[in-house]
C-alpha cells in the first residue's frame, strides 16, 4: 500500500510538469481517473493483479478457432457457435 500511495503522489507531481501536448499525459490521466478501481486489489484479496488466468482460459478458443472454421455439419457449426459465445 505505501508503494501505491507513493506512485499516486508521483503521478500527480509528474503530471503537473508535463505540457498539455505530451503523449504521456493521456495514459497518466487515464490511470489517475481510475485509481480507485486500480487499487481495489489492496482491499479485496480475490482480485488478481493480472488477467493471466482469463487469457489462459481463452487460449484454447483462440488456438482452435481456425480448426473450427469447417465444423463438418450445420449441427457442429451450431455447437461451436454456442461454445464460443
N, C-alpha and C. Protein backbone atom coordinates (compact mmCIF):
# COMPACT_ATOMS: atom_id res chain seq x y z
N UNK A 1 0.82 -1.20 0.00
CA UNK A 1 0.00 0.00 0.00
C UNK A 1 0.87 1.27 0.00
N UNK A 2 1.94 1.32 0.79
CA UNK A 2 2.78 2.52 0.74
C UNK A 2 3.39 2.77 -0.64
N UNK A 3 3.74 1.70 -1.36
CA UNK A 3 4.29 1.86 -2.70
C UNK A 3 3.27 2.47 -3.66
N UNK A 4 2.04 2.02 -3.55
CA UNK A 4 1.00 2.57 -4.41
C UNK A 4 0.69 4.03 -4.06
N UNK A 5 0.72 4.34 -2.78
CA UNK A 5 0.50 5.74 -2.38
C UNK A 5 1.62 6.63 -2.92
N UNK A 6 2.85 6.13 -2.85
CA UNK A 6 3.98 6.88 -3.41
C UNK A 6 3.83 7.04 -4.92
N UNK A 7 3.39 5.99 -5.59
CA UNK A 7 3.20 6.05 -7.03
C UNK A 7 2.13 7.06 -7.40
N UNK A 8 1.04 7.08 -6.64
CA UNK A 8 -0.04 8.03 -6.90
C UNK A 8 0.45 9.46 -6.75
N UNK A 9 1.18 9.72 -5.68
CA UNK A 9 1.73 11.06 -5.45
C UNK A 9 2.71 11.43 -6.57
N UNK A 10 3.52 10.48 -6.99
CA UNK A 10 4.49 10.73 -8.07
C UNK A 10 3.77 11.07 -9.38
N UNK A 11 2.72 10.30 -9.70
CA UNK A 11 1.96 10.57 -10.92
C UNK A 11 1.37 11.98 -10.90
N UNK A 12 0.81 12.36 -9.76
CA UNK A 12 0.23 13.70 -9.66
C UNK A 12 1.31 14.77 -9.82
N UNK A 13 2.47 14.57 -9.19
CA UNK A 13 3.57 15.53 -9.30
C UNK A 13 4.07 15.64 -10.74
N UNK A 14 4.31 14.49 -11.35
CA UNK A 14 4.86 14.48 -12.70
C UNK A 14 3.88 15.04 -13.73
N UNK A 15 2.61 14.82 -13.50
CA UNK A 15 1.60 15.32 -14.43
C UNK A 15 1.63 16.84 -14.52
N UNK A 16 1.93 17.47 -13.39
CA UNK A 16 1.98 18.93 -13.37
C UNK A 16 3.16 19.49 -14.16
N UNK A 17 4.20 18.69 -14.35
CA UNK A 17 5.39 19.19 -15.06
C UNK A 17 5.29 18.99 -16.57
N UNK A 18 4.31 18.23 -17.04
CA UNK A 18 4.19 17.92 -18.46
C UNK A 18 3.38 18.97 -19.20
N UNK A 19 3.70 19.15 -20.46
CA UNK A 19 2.89 20.06 -21.28
C UNK A 19 1.61 19.35 -21.70
N UNK A 20 0.63 20.13 -22.08
CA UNK A 20 -0.66 19.54 -22.48
C UNK A 20 -0.56 18.69 -23.73
N UNK A 21 0.46 18.89 -24.53
CA UNK A 21 0.61 18.13 -25.77
C UNK A 21 1.47 16.87 -25.58
N UNK A 22 1.89 16.60 -24.36
CA UNK A 22 2.73 15.43 -24.10
C UNK A 22 1.96 14.14 -24.35
N UNK A 23 2.62 13.19 -24.98
CA UNK A 23 1.98 11.90 -25.26
C UNK A 23 1.79 11.06 -24.00
N UNK A 24 2.54 11.36 -22.97
CA UNK A 24 2.46 10.59 -21.73
C UNK A 24 1.29 11.05 -20.88
N UNK A 25 0.82 12.25 -21.10
CA UNK A 25 -0.24 12.82 -20.26
C UNK A 25 -1.55 12.04 -20.37
N UNK A 26 -1.89 11.60 -21.56
CA UNK A 26 -3.16 10.88 -21.75
C UNK A 26 -3.21 9.58 -20.95
N UNK A 27 -2.20 8.70 -21.03
CA UNK A 27 -2.26 7.48 -20.21
C UNK A 27 -2.18 7.77 -18.70
N UNK A 28 -1.45 8.82 -18.33
CA UNK A 28 -1.39 9.15 -16.90
C UNK A 28 -2.76 9.59 -16.40
N UNK A 29 -3.43 10.43 -17.15
CA UNK A 29 -4.77 10.87 -16.75
C UNK A 29 -5.75 9.71 -16.71
N UNK A 30 -5.61 8.81 -17.67
CA UNK A 30 -6.47 7.62 -17.70
C UNK A 30 -6.31 6.82 -16.41
N UNK A 31 -5.09 6.60 -16.00
CA UNK A 31 -4.85 5.82 -14.78
C UNK A 31 -5.31 6.57 -13.54
N UNK A 32 -5.05 7.85 -13.48
CA UNK A 32 -5.46 8.63 -12.31
C UNK A 32 -6.97 8.71 -12.16
N UNK A 33 -7.68 8.77 -13.29
CA UNK A 33 -9.15 8.79 -13.21
C UNK A 33 -9.69 7.47 -12.68
N UNK A 34 -8.96 6.39 -12.90
CA UNK A 34 -9.42 5.07 -12.49
C UNK A 34 -8.62 4.52 -11.31
N UNK A 35 -8.00 5.39 -10.55
CA UNK A 35 -7.10 4.97 -9.49
C UNK A 35 -7.79 4.09 -8.45
N UNK A 36 -9.00 4.46 -8.03
CA UNK A 36 -9.71 3.67 -7.02
C UNK A 36 -9.96 2.25 -7.50
N UNK A 37 -10.30 2.11 -8.78
CA UNK A 37 -10.52 0.77 -9.33
C UNK A 37 -9.20 0.01 -9.43
N UNK A 38 -8.13 0.69 -9.81
CA UNK A 38 -6.82 0.06 -9.92
C UNK A 38 -6.34 -0.45 -8.56
N UNK A 39 -6.55 0.33 -7.51
CA UNK A 39 -6.03 -0.02 -6.18
C UNK A 39 -6.99 -0.90 -5.38
N UNK A 40 -8.09 -1.30 -5.96
CA UNK A 40 -9.08 -2.09 -5.24
C UNK A 40 -8.51 -3.42 -4.75
N UNK A 41 -7.51 -3.95 -5.42
CA UNK A 41 -6.94 -5.23 -5.01
C UNK A 41 -6.33 -5.16 -3.62
N UNK A 42 -6.00 -3.97 -3.15
CA UNK A 42 -5.45 -3.81 -1.80
C UNK A 42 -6.46 -4.18 -0.73
N UNK A 43 -7.73 -3.99 -1.04
CA UNK A 43 -8.78 -4.20 -0.04
C UNK A 43 -9.60 -5.46 -0.29
N UNK A 44 -9.45 -6.07 -1.44
CA UNK A 44 -10.19 -7.28 -1.77
C UNK A 44 -9.21 -8.32 -2.30
N UNK A 45 -8.90 -9.31 -1.49
CA UNK A 45 -7.91 -10.31 -1.83
C UNK A 45 -8.31 -11.22 -2.97
N UNK A 46 -9.56 -11.18 -3.39
CA UNK A 46 -10.00 -12.03 -4.51
C UNK A 46 -9.57 -11.46 -5.85
N UNK A 47 -9.18 -10.20 -5.88
CA UNK A 47 -8.83 -9.55 -7.14
C UNK A 47 -7.36 -9.81 -7.46
N UNK A 48 -7.12 -10.32 -8.64
CA UNK A 48 -5.76 -10.62 -9.10
C UNK A 48 -5.19 -9.42 -9.84
N UNK A 49 -3.90 -9.23 -9.72
CA UNK A 49 -3.26 -8.09 -10.38
C UNK A 49 -3.14 -8.28 -11.89
N UNK A 50 -3.20 -9.50 -12.36
CA UNK A 50 -3.06 -9.75 -13.79
C UNK A 50 -4.31 -10.43 -14.32
N UNK A 51 -4.42 -10.50 -15.62
CA UNK A 51 -5.52 -11.21 -16.25
C UNK A 51 -5.02 -12.51 -16.88
N UNK A 52 -3.90 -13.02 -16.40
CA UNK A 52 -3.31 -14.24 -16.97
C UNK A 52 -4.27 -15.42 -16.94
N UNK A 53 -5.02 -15.56 -15.86
CA UNK A 53 -5.95 -16.69 -15.73
C UNK A 53 -7.02 -16.62 -16.84
N UNK A 54 -7.57 -15.44 -17.06
CA UNK A 54 -8.59 -15.28 -18.11
C UNK A 54 -7.99 -15.52 -19.49
N UNK A 55 -6.78 -15.04 -19.70
CA UNK A 55 -6.14 -15.25 -21.01
C UNK A 55 -5.85 -16.73 -21.26
N UNK A 56 -5.43 -17.44 -20.22
CA UNK A 56 -5.19 -18.89 -20.40
C UNK A 56 -6.49 -19.62 -20.70
N UNK A 57 -7.59 -19.19 -20.08
CA UNK A 57 -8.88 -19.84 -20.33
C UNK A 57 -9.32 -19.64 -21.78
N UNK A 58 -8.99 -18.49 -22.37
CA UNK A 58 -9.39 -18.20 -23.75
C UNK A 58 -8.40 -18.73 -24.79
N UNK A 59 -7.25 -19.18 -24.34
CA UNK A 59 -6.21 -19.62 -25.27
C UNK A 59 -6.68 -20.78 -26.16
N UNK A 60 -7.39 -21.72 -25.58
CA UNK A 60 -7.88 -22.86 -26.36
C UNK A 60 -8.83 -22.44 -27.47
N UNK A 61 -9.64 -21.45 -27.19
CA UNK A 61 -10.57 -20.95 -28.21
C UNK A 61 -9.79 -20.27 -29.32
N UNK A 62 -8.82 -19.46 -28.94
CA UNK A 62 -8.05 -18.74 -29.96
C UNK A 62 -7.25 -19.71 -30.83
N UNK A 63 -6.67 -20.72 -30.23
CA UNK A 63 -5.87 -21.69 -31.00
C UNK A 63 -6.74 -22.60 -31.86
N UNK A 64 -7.92 -22.94 -31.37
CA UNK A 64 -8.78 -23.85 -32.10
C UNK A 64 -9.68 -23.19 -33.12
N UNK A 65 -9.75 -21.89 -33.09
CA UNK A 65 -10.69 -21.17 -33.96
C UNK A 65 -10.51 -21.53 -35.43
N UNK A 66 -9.28 -21.60 -35.89
CA UNK A 66 -9.06 -21.93 -37.30
C UNK A 66 -9.53 -23.36 -37.60
N UNK A 67 -9.32 -24.26 -36.68
CA UNK A 67 -9.76 -25.64 -36.89
C UNK A 67 -11.28 -25.74 -36.92
N UNK A 68 -11.94 -24.84 -36.24
CA UNK A 68 -13.40 -24.90 -36.17
C UNK A 68 -14.06 -24.19 -37.34
N UNK A 69 -13.27 -23.64 -38.24
CA UNK A 69 -13.84 -22.96 -39.40
C UNK A 69 -14.71 -23.92 -40.20
N UNK A 70 -14.24 -25.13 -40.32
CA UNK A 70 -15.02 -26.14 -41.03
C UNK A 70 -15.53 -27.14 -40.01
N UNK A 71 -16.71 -26.89 -39.51
CA UNK A 71 -17.26 -27.71 -38.42
C UNK A 71 -17.72 -29.08 -38.92
N UNK A 72 -17.91 -29.26 -40.20
CA UNK A 72 -18.29 -30.57 -40.73
C UNK A 72 -19.76 -30.71 -40.99
N UNK A 73 -20.59 -30.01 -40.24
CA UNK A 73 -22.03 -30.08 -40.45
C UNK A 73 -22.67 -28.84 -39.83
N UNK A 74 -23.91 -28.62 -40.17
CA UNK A 74 -24.62 -27.47 -39.59
C UNK A 74 -24.75 -27.64 -38.08
N UNK A 75 -25.00 -28.86 -37.63
CA UNK A 75 -25.14 -29.13 -36.20
C UNK A 75 -23.81 -28.85 -35.47
N UNK A 76 -22.71 -29.27 -36.06
CA UNK A 76 -21.39 -29.00 -35.48
C UNK A 76 -21.10 -27.51 -35.44
N UNK A 77 -21.49 -26.80 -36.50
CA UNK A 77 -21.29 -25.35 -36.53
C UNK A 77 -22.12 -24.67 -35.47
N UNK A 78 -23.35 -25.14 -35.27
CA UNK A 78 -24.21 -24.57 -34.22
C UNK A 78 -23.60 -24.79 -32.84
N UNK A 79 -23.08 -25.97 -32.60
CA UNK A 79 -22.45 -26.26 -31.31
C UNK A 79 -21.21 -25.40 -31.08
N UNK A 80 -20.40 -25.24 -32.12
CA UNK A 80 -19.20 -24.39 -31.99
C UNK A 80 -19.60 -22.95 -31.70
N UNK A 81 -20.67 -22.47 -32.36
CA UNK A 81 -21.13 -21.11 -32.13
C UNK A 81 -21.62 -20.94 -30.70
N UNK A 82 -22.30 -21.93 -30.17
CA UNK A 82 -22.79 -21.86 -28.78
C UNK A 82 -21.61 -21.86 -27.82
N UNK A 83 -20.59 -22.69 -28.08
CA UNK A 83 -19.44 -22.75 -27.19
C UNK A 83 -18.66 -21.44 -27.19
N UNK A 84 -18.58 -20.79 -28.32
CA UNK A 84 -17.76 -19.59 -28.45
C UNK A 84 -18.47 -18.32 -28.05
N UNK A 85 -19.74 -18.41 -27.73
CA UNK A 85 -20.46 -17.19 -27.29
C UNK A 85 -20.81 -17.22 -25.85
